[in-house]
Amino acid sequence: MQDKKLKILLIEDDSIEIMKLHRTISSKGLNHSVIEAHNGVEALDILQNKETLPDLILLDLNMPKINGIEFLSILKADAILKYLPTIILTTSNNHKDVLECYKIGIAGYIIKPLKYDDYVDKIDRVLAYWSINELIRN
């Protein structure tokens, strides 16, 4: 059985974090495609085209323009976009943030590890899960 090739929307303003995700996907030999948005406003522009929606969103919480929680609230208020699985990928382990994100309706919350090998392991597992998961399409 072949795992699904994912189209991932990465919403991240840190170029090092963007590079880490690309390097992880490449080093693991994964065939996923990554669309980059450097803030929530850019991401909402990308999501306007309902014909080319991503399979998965990886979202940082601490971003300029609108933060991750504000972005999530906008996303989950949209009749179509609310079904996109969104994983928080952040350095914030603030319990209030975690609870707020789950209350809004995220699919997961991952704290970015400091060690690169731990990061690769976590990302590999998340992408492996979502590439076999039956994604909801409306």
N, C-alpha and C. Protein backbone atom coordinates (compact mmCIF):
# COMPACT_ATOMS: atom_id res chain seq x y z
N MET A 1 0.84 -1.19 0.00
CA MET A 1 0.00 0.00 0.00
C MET A 1 0.88 1.25 0.00
N GLN A 2 0.56 2.17 -0.87
CA GLN A 2 1.35 3.40 -0.96
C GLN A 2 0.68 4.50 -0.13
N ASP A 3 1.48 5.19 0.67
CA ASP A 3 0.95 6.30 1.45
C ASP A 3 0.65 7.46 0.52
N LYS A 4 -0.32 8.25 0.93
CA LYS A 4 -0.76 9.39 0.15
C LYS A 4 0.31 10.48 0.15
N LYS A 5 0.48 11.11 -1.00
CA LYS A 5 1.36 12.29 -1.08
C LYS A 5 0.55 13.47 -0.54
N LEU A 6 1.06 14.09 0.49
CA LEU A 6 0.35 15.20 1.13
C LEU A 6 0.73 16.54 0.53
N LYS A 7 -0.26 17.41 0.45
CA LYS A 7 0.00 18.81 0.14
C LYS A 7 -0.12 19.54 1.48
N ILE A 8 1.02 20.07 1.95
CA ILE A 8 1.11 20.66 3.28
C ILE A 8 1.22 22.17 3.15
N LEU A 9 0.39 22.88 3.92
CA LEU A 9 0.53 24.33 4.03
C LEU A 9 1.27 24.60 5.34
N LEU A 10 2.49 25.13 5.23
CA LEU A 10 3.29 25.49 6.39
C LEU A 10 3.14 26.99 6.62
N ILE A 11 2.62 27.35 7.79
CA ILE A 11 2.46 28.76 8.14
C ILE A 11 3.49 29.06 9.22
N GLU A 12 4.57 29.68 8.80
CA GLU A 12 5.75 29.86 9.66
C GLU A 12 6.53 31.08 9.19
N ASP A 13 6.91 31.96 10.11
CA ASP A 13 7.64 33.17 9.72
C ASP A 13 9.15 33.03 9.88
N ASP A 14 9.62 31.95 10.49
CA ASP A 14 11.05 31.75 10.72
C ASP A 14 11.66 30.92 9.58
N SER A 15 12.58 31.52 8.82
CA SER A 15 13.14 30.84 7.65
C SER A 15 13.92 29.58 8.03
N ILE A 16 14.50 29.54 9.23
CA ILE A 16 15.22 28.35 9.67
C ILE A 16 14.24 27.19 9.89
N GLU A 17 13.08 27.50 10.45
CA GLU A 17 12.06 26.46 10.67
C GLU A 17 11.51 25.94 9.33
N ILE A 18 11.36 26.84 8.37
CA ILE A 18 10.90 26.44 7.04
C ILE A 18 11.92 25.49 6.41
N MET A 19 13.19 25.86 6.51
CA MET A 19 14.27 25.04 5.98
C MET A 19 14.31 23.67 6.67
N LYS A 20 14.10 23.64 7.99
CA LYS A 20 14.11 22.38 8.74
C LYS A 20 13.02 21.43 8.22
N LEU A 21 11.84 21.94 7.95
CA LEU A 21 10.76 21.08 7.45
C LEU A 21 11.12 20.53 6.08
N HIS A 22 11.59 21.39 5.19
CA HIS A 22 12.00 20.92 3.85
C HIS A 22 13.10 19.87 3.94
N ARG A 23 14.09 20.11 4.79
CA ARG A 23 15.21 19.19 4.95
C ARG A 23 14.71 17.84 5.51
N THR A 24 13.78 17.88 6.45
CA THR A 24 13.24 16.65 7.04
C THR A 24 12.51 15.83 5.98
N ILE A 25 11.65 16.47 5.21
CA ILE A 25 10.90 15.77 4.17
C ILE A 25 11.86 15.17 3.15
N SER A 26 12.86 15.93 2.75
CA SER A 26 13.85 15.46 1.78
C SER A 26 14.69 14.31 2.33
N SER A 27 15.18 14.46 3.56
CA SER A 27 16.06 13.43 4.14
C SER A 27 15.33 12.11 4.37
N LYS A 28 14.02 12.18 4.57
CA LYS A 28 13.23 10.96 4.78
C LYS A 28 12.74 10.38 3.45
N GLY A 29 13.06 11.05 2.34
CA GLY A 29 12.65 10.56 1.03
C GLY A 29 11.15 10.64 0.81
N LEU A 30 10.50 11.57 1.48
CA LEU A 30 9.04 11.72 1.35
C LEU A 30 8.72 12.56 0.13
N ASN A 31 7.57 12.32 -0.43
CA ASN A 31 7.20 12.98 -1.68
C ASN A 31 6.14 14.06 -1.46
N HIS A 32 6.05 14.58 -0.26
CA HIS A 32 5.04 15.58 0.05
C HIS A 32 5.44 16.94 -0.53
N SER A 33 4.44 17.74 -0.87
CA SER A 33 4.73 19.10 -1.34
C SER A 33 4.39 20.09 -0.23
N VAL A 34 5.19 21.14 -0.14
CA VAL A 34 5.01 22.14 0.91
C VAL A 34 4.74 23.50 0.27
N ILE A 35 3.64 24.11 0.69
CA ILE A 35 3.31 25.47 0.30
C ILE A 35 3.64 26.32 1.53
N GLU A 36 4.36 27.41 1.32
CA GLU A 36 4.78 28.25 2.45
C GLU A 36 3.96 29.53 2.53
N ALA A 37 3.56 29.86 3.76
CA ALA A 37 2.98 31.17 4.06
C ALA A 37 3.76 31.70 5.25
N HIS A 38 4.16 32.95 5.20
CA HIS A 38 5.00 33.51 6.26
C HIS A 38 4.20 34.17 7.37
N ASN A 39 2.88 34.21 7.20
CA ASN A 39 1.99 34.71 8.25
C ASN A 39 0.56 34.26 7.93
N GLY A 40 -0.34 34.50 8.87
CA GLY A 40 -1.72 34.06 8.71
C GLY A 40 -2.46 34.75 7.57
N VAL A 41 -2.14 36.00 7.31
CA VAL A 41 -2.78 36.74 6.22
C VAL A 41 -2.42 36.11 4.88
N GLU A 42 -1.13 35.81 4.71
CA GLU A 42 -0.67 35.13 3.49
C GLU A 42 -1.36 33.77 3.34
N ALA A 43 -1.48 33.05 4.44
CA ALA A 43 -2.12 31.73 4.41
C ALA A 43 -3.59 31.84 4.00
N LEU A 44 -4.29 32.83 4.52
CA LEU A 44 -5.71 33.00 4.16
C LEU A 44 -5.85 33.33 2.68
N ASP A 45 -4.90 34.09 2.13
CA ASP A 45 -4.91 34.37 0.69
C ASP A 45 -4.76 33.08 -0.11
N ILE A 46 -3.83 32.22 0.31
CA ILE A 46 -3.61 30.93 -0.36
C ILE A 46 -4.88 30.08 -0.29
N LEU A 47 -5.55 30.11 0.87
CA LEU A 47 -6.73 29.27 1.08
C LEU A 47 -7.98 29.78 0.38
N GLN A 48 -7.90 30.97 -0.22
CA GLN A 48 -9.04 31.49 -0.98
C GLN A 48 -9.38 30.60 -2.16
N ASN A 49 -8.36 29.97 -2.76
CA ASN A 49 -8.58 29.08 -3.89
C ASN A 49 -9.01 27.71 -3.35
N LYS A 50 -10.32 27.50 -3.31
CA LYS A 50 -10.87 26.28 -2.72
C LYS A 50 -10.60 25.03 -3.58
N GLU A 51 -10.12 25.23 -4.81
CA GLU A 51 -9.84 24.10 -5.71
C GLU A 51 -8.51 23.42 -5.37
N THR A 52 -7.60 24.14 -4.71
CA THR A 52 -6.26 23.59 -4.45
C THR A 52 -5.95 23.63 -2.95
N LEU A 53 -6.88 23.19 -2.14
CA LEU A 53 -6.67 23.22 -0.69
C LEU A 53 -5.63 22.19 -0.27
N PRO A 54 -4.87 22.51 0.78
CA PRO A 54 -3.90 21.54 1.29
C PRO A 54 -4.60 20.39 2.01
N ASP A 55 -3.87 19.30 2.20
CA ASP A 55 -4.37 18.17 2.97
C ASP A 55 -4.16 18.39 4.47
N LEU A 56 -3.13 19.18 4.78
CA LEU A 56 -2.72 19.37 6.16
C LEU A 56 -2.11 20.75 6.33
N ILE A 57 -2.41 21.38 7.47
CA ILE A 57 -1.80 22.68 7.79
C ILE A 57 -0.91 22.49 9.02
N LEU A 58 0.33 22.97 8.90
CA LEU A 58 1.24 23.05 10.05
C LEU A 58 1.34 24.53 10.40
N LEU A 59 0.97 24.88 11.62
CA LEU A 59 0.80 26.28 12.01
C LEU A 59 1.63 26.65 13.22
N ASP A 60 2.44 27.69 13.07
CA ASP A 60 3.16 28.26 14.21
C ASP A 60 2.21 29.22 14.91
N LEU A 61 2.31 29.36 16.22
CA LEU A 61 1.42 30.27 16.94
C LEU A 61 1.93 31.70 16.97
N ASN A 62 3.24 31.87 17.10
CA ASN A 62 3.81 33.20 17.27
C ASN A 62 4.23 33.78 15.92
N MET A 63 3.31 34.56 15.33
CA MET A 63 3.57 35.12 14.00
C MET A 63 3.14 36.58 13.94
N PRO A 64 3.71 37.30 12.96
CA PRO A 64 3.28 38.70 12.77
C PRO A 64 1.90 38.77 12.10
N LYS A 65 1.33 39.95 12.06
CA LYS A 65 0.04 40.27 11.45
C LYS A 65 -1.12 39.68 12.24
N ILE A 66 -1.36 38.37 12.11
CA ILE A 66 -2.33 37.72 12.99
C ILE A 66 -1.65 36.48 13.58
N ASN A 67 -1.86 36.26 14.86
CA ASN A 67 -1.20 35.11 15.48
C ASN A 67 -1.94 33.81 15.14
N GLY A 68 -1.36 32.70 15.54
CA GLY A 68 -1.92 31.40 15.21
C GLY A 68 -3.32 31.18 15.72
N ILE A 69 -3.62 31.64 16.92
CA ILE A 69 -4.95 31.45 17.49
C ILE A 69 -5.98 32.29 16.72
N GLU A 70 -5.63 33.51 16.35
CA GLU A 70 -6.53 34.33 15.53
C GLU A 70 -6.77 33.67 14.18
N PHE A 71 -5.70 33.14 13.57
CA PHE A 71 -5.82 32.45 12.29
C PHE A 71 -6.77 31.25 12.42
N LEU A 72 -6.57 30.45 13.48
CA LEU A 72 -7.43 29.27 13.70
C LEU A 72 -8.90 29.65 13.81
N SER A 73 -9.18 30.74 14.51
CA SER A 73 -10.56 31.19 14.69
C SER A 73 -11.20 31.54 13.34
N ILE A 74 -10.44 32.19 12.47
CA ILE A 74 -10.93 32.54 11.12
C ILE A 74 -11.13 31.26 10.31
N LEU A 75 -10.16 30.36 10.36
CA LEU A 75 -10.20 29.11 9.61
C LEU A 75 -11.43 28.28 10.01
N LYS A 76 -11.65 28.13 11.29
CA LYS A 76 -12.72 27.26 11.78
C LYS A 76 -14.10 27.89 11.62
N ALA A 77 -14.16 29.19 11.32
CA ALA A 77 -15.45 29.84 11.07
C ALA A 77 -15.90 29.68 9.62
N ASP A 78 -15.00 29.19 8.75
CA ASP A 78 -15.30 29.01 7.33
C ASP A 78 -15.92 27.62 7.10
N ALA A 79 -17.01 27.57 6.35
CA ALA A 79 -17.75 26.32 6.14
C ALA A 79 -16.93 25.23 5.47
N ILE A 80 -15.97 25.58 4.64
CA ILE A 80 -15.14 24.59 3.95
C ILE A 80 -13.81 24.40 4.66
N LEU A 81 -13.15 25.49 5.00
CA LEU A 81 -11.81 25.42 5.59
C LEU A 81 -11.78 24.78 6.97
N LYS A 82 -12.90 24.79 7.68
CA LYS A 82 -12.91 24.24 9.04
C LYS A 82 -12.58 22.76 9.09
N TYR A 83 -12.70 22.06 7.96
CA TYR A 83 -12.40 20.63 7.93
C TYR A 83 -10.93 20.31 7.69
N LEU A 84 -10.12 21.33 7.38
CA LEU A 84 -8.70 21.08 7.13
C LEU A 84 -8.00 20.74 8.44
N PRO A 85 -7.36 19.57 8.52
CA PRO A 85 -6.65 19.23 9.76
C PRO A 85 -5.48 20.18 9.96
N THR A 86 -5.44 20.76 11.15
CA THR A 86 -4.42 21.75 11.48
C THR A 86 -3.64 21.29 12.70
N ILE A 87 -2.34 21.21 12.52
CA ILE A 87 -1.42 20.81 13.59
C ILE A 87 -0.63 22.04 14.01
N ILE A 88 -0.66 22.34 15.30
CA ILE A 88 0.17 23.42 15.82
C ILE A 88 1.59 22.90 15.97
N LEU A 89 2.53 23.64 15.42
CA LEU A 89 3.96 23.29 15.50
C LEU A 89 4.65 24.54 16.04
N THR A 90 4.93 24.54 17.34
CA THR A 90 5.34 25.78 17.99
C THR A 90 6.34 25.53 19.11
N THR A 91 6.95 26.60 19.59
CA THR A 91 7.83 26.51 20.75
C THR A 91 7.06 26.76 22.04
N SER A 92 5.80 27.20 21.92
CA SER A 92 5.02 27.56 23.10
C SER A 92 4.43 26.32 23.77
N ASN A 93 4.82 26.12 25.04
CA ASN A 93 4.19 25.04 25.80
C ASN A 93 3.26 25.63 26.86
N ASN A 94 2.80 26.85 26.60
CA ASN A 94 1.86 27.53 27.47
C ASN A 94 0.55 26.72 27.51
N HIS A 95 0.18 26.25 28.69
CA HIS A 95 -1.00 25.40 28.85
C HIS A 95 -2.27 26.08 28.34
N LYS A 96 -2.35 27.40 28.55
CA LYS A 96 -3.51 28.17 28.08
C LYS A 96 -3.61 28.12 26.55
N ASP A 97 -2.47 28.24 25.86
CA ASP A 97 -2.46 28.14 24.39
C ASP A 97 -2.93 26.77 23.93
N VAL A 98 -2.42 25.72 24.58
CA VAL A 98 -2.79 24.35 24.22
C VAL A 98 -4.31 24.18 24.34
N LEU A 99 -4.86 24.56 25.48
CA LEU A 99 -6.31 24.41 25.71
C LEU A 99 -7.13 25.22 24.71
N GLU A 100 -6.69 26.46 24.46
CA GLU A 100 -7.42 27.33 23.52
C GLU A 100 -7.42 26.73 22.12
N CYS A 101 -6.29 26.21 21.68
CA CYS A 101 -6.19 25.62 20.34
C CYS A 101 -7.10 24.40 20.21
N TYR A 102 -7.10 23.53 21.22
CA TYR A 102 -7.97 22.35 21.15
C TYR A 102 -9.45 22.76 21.20
N LYS A 103 -9.75 23.81 21.97
CA LYS A 103 -11.13 24.30 22.06
C LYS A 103 -11.60 24.79 20.68
N ILE A 104 -10.72 25.45 19.94
CA ILE A 104 -11.06 25.96 18.60
C ILE A 104 -11.20 24.81 17.61
N GLY A 105 -10.42 23.75 17.81
CA GLY A 105 -10.59 22.58 16.95
C GLY A 105 -9.38 22.17 16.14
N ILE A 106 -8.24 22.04 16.78
CA ILE A 106 -7.04 21.58 16.07
C ILE A 106 -6.98 20.05 16.05
N ALA A 107 -6.12 19.52 15.18
CA ALA A 107 -5.92 18.08 15.08
C ALA A 107 -4.72 17.61 15.91
N GLY A 108 -3.89 18.53 16.38
CA GLY A 108 -2.74 18.16 17.18
C GLY A 108 -1.91 19.37 17.58
N TYR A 109 -1.11 19.19 18.62
CA TYR A 109 -0.27 20.27 19.15
C TYR A 109 1.11 19.69 19.41
N ILE A 110 2.11 20.15 18.68
CA ILE A 110 3.47 19.63 18.80
C ILE A 110 4.41 20.76 19.19
N ILE A 111 5.16 20.52 20.25
CA ILE A 111 6.18 21.49 20.65
C ILE A 111 7.47 21.14 19.91
N LYS A 112 8.02 22.14 19.22
CA LYS A 112 9.25 21.93 18.44
C LYS A 112 10.38 21.56 19.39
N PRO A 113 10.98 20.39 19.18
CA PRO A 113 12.11 20.01 20.03
C PRO A 113 13.34 20.84 19.69
N LEU A 114 14.23 20.97 20.65
CA LEU A 114 15.47 21.71 20.42
C LEU A 114 16.44 20.91 19.55
N LYS A 115 16.50 19.60 19.76
CA LYS A 115 17.44 18.77 19.00
C LYS A 115 16.85 18.44 17.63
N TYR A 116 17.66 18.61 16.60
CA TYR A 116 17.20 18.38 15.22
C TYR A 116 16.70 16.95 15.01
N ASP A 117 17.40 15.96 15.55
CA ASP A 117 16.98 14.56 15.39
C ASP A 117 15.60 14.31 15.99
N ASP A 118 15.32 14.95 17.13
CA ASP A 118 13.99 14.81 17.74
C ASP A 118 12.92 15.47 16.87
N TYR A 119 13.28 16.61 16.27
CA TYR A 119 12.36 17.30 15.36
C TYR A 119 12.03 16.39 14.17
N VAL A 120 13.05 15.82 13.55
CA VAL A 120 12.87 14.93 12.40
C VAL A 120 11.96 13.77 12.77
N ASP A 121 12.18 13.19 13.94
CA ASP A 121 11.37 12.07 14.39
C ASP A 121 9.90 12.47 14.55
N LYS A 122 9.65 13.60 15.20
CA LYS A 122 8.27 14.04 15.40
C LYS A 122 7.57 14.35 14.07
N ILE A 123 8.25 15.07 13.19
CA ILE A 123 7.65 15.43 11.90
C ILE A 123 7.39 14.17 11.07
N ASP A 124 8.33 13.26 11.07
CA ASP A 124 8.18 12.00 10.33
C ASP A 124 6.94 11.25 10.80
N ARG A 125 6.74 11.17 12.10
CA ARG A 125 5.58 10.46 12.64
C ARG A 125 4.26 11.15 12.30
N VAL A 126 4.24 12.48 12.40
CA VAL A 126 3.02 13.23 12.08
C VAL A 126 2.65 13.04 10.61
N LEU A 127 3.64 13.18 9.73
CA LEU A 127 3.36 13.06 8.30
C LEU A 127 3.00 11.62 7.92
N ALA A 128 3.60 10.65 8.58
CA ALA A 128 3.25 9.25 8.32
C ALA A 128 1.79 9.00 8.69
N TYR A 129 1.36 9.52 9.83
CA TYR A 129 -0.03 9.35 10.25
C TYR A 129 -1.00 9.99 9.24
N TRP A 130 -0.74 11.24 8.88
CA TRP A 130 -1.67 11.94 8.00
C TRP A 130 -1.62 11.43 6.57
N SER A 131 -0.56 10.75 6.18
CA SER A 131 -0.52 10.21 4.82
C SER A 131 -1.31 8.90 4.70
N ILE A 132 -1.66 8.28 5.82
CA ILE A 132 -2.52 7.09 5.76
C ILE A 132 -3.93 7.37 6.28
N ASN A 133 -4.12 8.51 6.92
CA ASN A 133 -5.41 8.87 7.48
C ASN A 133 -6.41 9.18 6.35
N GLU A 134 -7.64 8.82 6.56
CA GLU A 134 -8.68 9.14 5.58
C GLU A 134 -9.13 10.58 5.82
N LEU A 135 -8.67 11.46 4.95
CA LEU A 135 -8.98 12.87 5.11
C LEU A 135 -10.40 13.19 4.68
N ILE A 136 -11.06 14.07 5.41
CA ILE A 136 -12.42 14.48 5.08
C ILE A 136 -12.37 15.50 3.96
N ARG A 137 -13.16 15.29 2.94
CA ARG A 137 -13.28 16.27 1.85
C ARG A 137 -14.75 16.62 1.68
N ASN A 138 -15.05 17.91 1.68
CA ASN A 138 -16.42 18.38 1.47
C ASN A 138 -16.61 18.89 0.07
